[in-house]
C-alpha atoms as a PDB file:
ATOM      1  CA  MET A   1       6.348  -4.482  39.302  1.00  0.00           C
ATOM      2  CA  ARG A   2       4.598  -6.876  36.949  1.00  0.00           C
ATOM      3  CA  PRO A   3       6.967  -6.339  33.983  1.00  0.00           C
ATOM      4  CA  ALA A   4       9.971  -6.964  36.172  1.00  0.00           C
ATOM      5  CA  VAL A   5       8.462 -10.199  37.582  1.00  0.00           C
ATOM      6  CA  GLU A   6       7.554 -11.348  34.103  1.00  0.00           C
ATOM      7  CA  ALA A   7      11.088 -10.568  32.857  1.00  0.00           C
ATOM      8  CA  LEU A   8      12.464 -12.667  35.720  1.00  0.00           C
ATOM      9  CA  ALA A   9       9.982 -15.473  34.859  1.00  0.00           C
ATOM     10  CA  LYS A  10      11.341 -15.507  31.251  1.00  0.00           C
ATOM     11  CA  ARG A  11      14.767 -16.131  32.764  1.00  0.00           C
ATOM     12  CA  GLY A  12      13.533 -19.046  34.831  1.00  0.00           C
ATOM     13  CA  VAL A  13      12.792 -17.358  38.153  1.00  0.00           C
ATOM     14  CA  PRO A  14       9.360 -18.338  39.516  1.00  0.00           C
ATOM     15  CA  ALA A  15       6.863 -15.578  40.429  1.00  0.00           C
ATOM     16  CA  GLN A  16       6.927 -16.283  44.177  1.00  0.00           C
ATOM     17  CA  PRO A  17      10.606 -15.435  44.676  1.00  0.00           C
ATOM     18  CA  GLY A  18      10.561 -12.972  41.747  1.00  0.00           C
ATOM     19  CA  SER A  19       8.162 -10.590  43.425  1.00  0.00           C
ATOM     20  CA  PRO A  20      10.191 -10.116  46.647  1.00  0.00           C
ATOM     21  CA  CYS A  21      13.411  -9.941  44.630  1.00  0.00           C
ATOM     22  CA  THR A  22      11.928  -7.144  42.559  1.00  0.00           C
ATOM     23  CA  CYS A  23      10.966  -5.281  45.738  1.00  0.00           C
ATOM     24  CA  LEU A  24      14.429  -5.733  47.207  1.00  0.00           C
ATOM     25  CA  ILE A  25      16.068  -4.487  44.027  1.00  0.00           C
ATOM     26  CA  LEU A  26      13.817  -1.428  43.940  1.00  0.00           C
ATOM     27  CA  LEU A  27      14.503  -0.710  47.633  1.00  0.00           C
ATOM     28  CA  GLY A  28      18.223  -1.161  47.020  1.00  0.00           C
ATOM     29  CA  LEU A  29      18.165   1.307  44.143  1.00  0.00           C
ATOM     30  CA  ILE A  30      16.312   3.915  46.249  1.00  0.00           C
ATOM     31  CA  ALA A  31      18.684   3.380  49.181  1.00  0.00           C
ATOM     32  CA  GLY A  32      21.719   3.676  46.877  1.00  0.00           C
ATOM     33  CA  PHE A  33      20.363   6.885  45.370  1.00  0.00           C
ATOM     34  CA  LEU A  34      19.763   8.379  48.807  1.00  0.00           C
ATOM     35  CA  TRP A  35      23.187   7.200  50.012  1.00  0.00           C
ATOM     36  CA  LEU A  36      24.819   9.082  47.110  1.00  0.00           C
ATOM     37  CA  VAL A  37      22.659  12.202  47.134  1.00  0.00           C
ATOM     38  CA  VAL A  38      21.831  13.060  50.804  1.00  0.00           C
ATOM     39  CA  PRO A  39      25.409  13.488  52.122  1.00  0.00           C
ATOM     40  CA  ARG A  40      26.314  15.758  49.218  1.00  0.00           C
ATOM     41  CA  ALA A  41      23.235  17.842  49.713  1.00  0.00           C
ATOM     42  CA  ILE A  42      23.969  18.250  53.409  1.00  0.00           C
ATOM     43  CA  ASP A  43      27.548  19.274  52.640  1.00  0.00           C
ATOM     44  CA  GLN A  44      26.370  21.843  50.107  1.00  0.00           C
ATOM     45  CA  VAL A  45      23.861  23.340  52.521  1.00  0.00           C
ATOM     46  CA  ASP A  46      26.419  23.448  55.298  1.00  0.00           C
ATOM     47  CA  SER A  47      29.059  25.045  53.125  1.00  0.00           C
ATOM     48  CA  ARG A  48      26.850  27.946  52.022  1.00  0.00           C
ATOM     49  CA  PRO A  49      28.122  31.269  53.271  1.00  0.00           C
ATOM     50  CA  ARG A  50      26.951  31.992  56.817  1.00  0.00           C
ATOM     51  CA  ARG A  51      26.658  35.674  56.018  1.00  0.00           C
ATOM     52  CA  TYR A  52      23.961  35.208  53.374  1.00  0.00           C
ATOM     53  CA  PRO A  53      20.921  35.346  55.684  1.00  0.00           C
ATOM     54  CA  ALA A  54      22.314  38.454  57.402  1.00  0.00           C
ATOM     55  CA  GLU A  55      22.877  40.201  54.080  1.00  0.00           C
ATOM     56  CA  ARG A  56      19.478  39.163  52.802  1.00  0.00           C
ATOM     57  CA  ALA A  57      17.868  40.381  56.060  1.00  0.00           C
ATOM     58  CA  ARG A  58      19.553  43.792  55.633  1.00  0.00           C
ATOM     59  CA  THR A  59      18.215  44.101  52.091  1.00  0.00           C
ATOM     60  CA  ILE A  60      14.756  43.100  53.239  1.00  0.00           C
ATOM     61  CA  GLY A  61      15.168  45.506  56.164  1.00  0.00           C
ATOM     62  CA  GLU A  62      15.625  48.391  53.724  1.00  0.00           C
ATOM     63  CA  GLN A  63      12.545  47.346  51.785  1.00  0.00           C
ATOM     64  CA  THR A  64      10.632  47.004  55.011  1.00  0.00           C
ATOM     65  CA  ARG A  65      11.410  50.569  56.066  1.00  0.00           C
ATOM     66  CA  ASN A  66      10.109  51.819  52.697  1.00  0.00           C
ATOM     67  CA  SER A  67       6.826  49.883  52.855  1.00  0.00           C
ATOM     68  CA  THR A  68       3.568  50.044  54.807  1.00  0.00           C
ATOM     69  CA  GLY A  69       0.589  47.805  55.587  1.00  0.00           C
ATOM     70  CA  ILE A  70       0.566  44.115  54.844  1.00  0.00           C
ATOM     71  CA  LYS A  71       3.726  44.250  52.744  1.00  0.00           C
ATOM     72  CA  HIS A  72       5.572  45.793  55.709  1.00  0.00           C
ATOM     73  CA  ASP A  73       4.369  42.981  57.976  1.00  0.00           C
ATOM     74  CA  VAL A  74       5.287  40.231  55.551  1.00  0.00           C
ATOM     75  CA  LEU A  75       8.746  41.637  54.937  1.00  0.00           C
ATOM     76  CA  GLU A  76       9.316  42.061  58.658  1.00  0.00           C
ATOM     77  CA  ASN A  77       8.442  38.369  59.292  1.00  0.00           C
ATOM     78  CA  ILE A  78      10.697  37.231  56.429  1.00  0.00           C
ATOM     79  CA  GLN A  79      13.547  39.329  57.833  1.00  0.00           C
ATOM     80  CA  ARG A  80      13.172  37.794  61.305  1.00  0.00           C
ATOM     81  CA  ARG A  81      13.049  34.239  59.921  1.00  0.00           C
ATOM     82  CA  LEU A  82      16.104  34.676  57.743  1.00  0.00           C
ATOM     83  CA  VAL A  83      18.194  35.729  60.703  1.00  0.00           C
ATOM     84  CA  ASP A  84      17.010  32.737  62.724  1.00  0.00           C
ATOM     85  CA  LEU A  85      17.652  30.038  60.034  1.00  0.00           C
ATOM     86  CA  PRO A  86      18.983  26.760  61.494  1.00  0.00           C
ATOM     87  CA  THR A  87      21.998  24.994  60.036  1.00  0.00           C
ATOM     88  CA  ALA A  88      21.521  21.777  58.081  1.00  0.00           C
ATOM     89  CA  GLY A  89      23.499  19.925  60.765  1.00  0.00           C
ATOM     90  CA  SER A  90      21.023  20.884  63.436  1.00  0.00           C
ATOM     91  CA  LEU A  91      18.150  19.572  61.250  1.00  0.00           C
ATOM     92  CA  VAL A  92      19.685  16.212  60.477  1.00  0.00           C
ATOM     93  CA  ASP A  93      20.288  13.606  63.159  1.00  0.00           C
ATOM     94  CA  PRO A  94      24.053  13.286  63.672  1.00  0.00           C
ATOM     95  CA  ALA A  95      23.709   9.488  63.438  1.00  0.00           C
ATOM     96  CA  LEU A  96      22.866   9.878  59.741  1.00  0.00           C
ATOM     97  CA  ARG A  97      26.163  11.623  58.918  1.00  0.00           C
END
């Protein structure tokens, strides 16, 4: 933050208003980045094929049948969780869309 405040001071902006201005600019950049990235990420997650978890669960199901012990238990848990994956829309508050 110091370099930005010093750069503003060189342009005639005192340190007292320069520091909050620097914070506001930084927050604005972060908010703008999130505003651009988050909706696109949500759309990409929502547009993924719905059949993928089921196909993946079937593949893991085949591997589960051919395994024993801890590997069998781990694959069984992964298979169960893939089938029960929530959609991105159910994870994000609708007010944010």
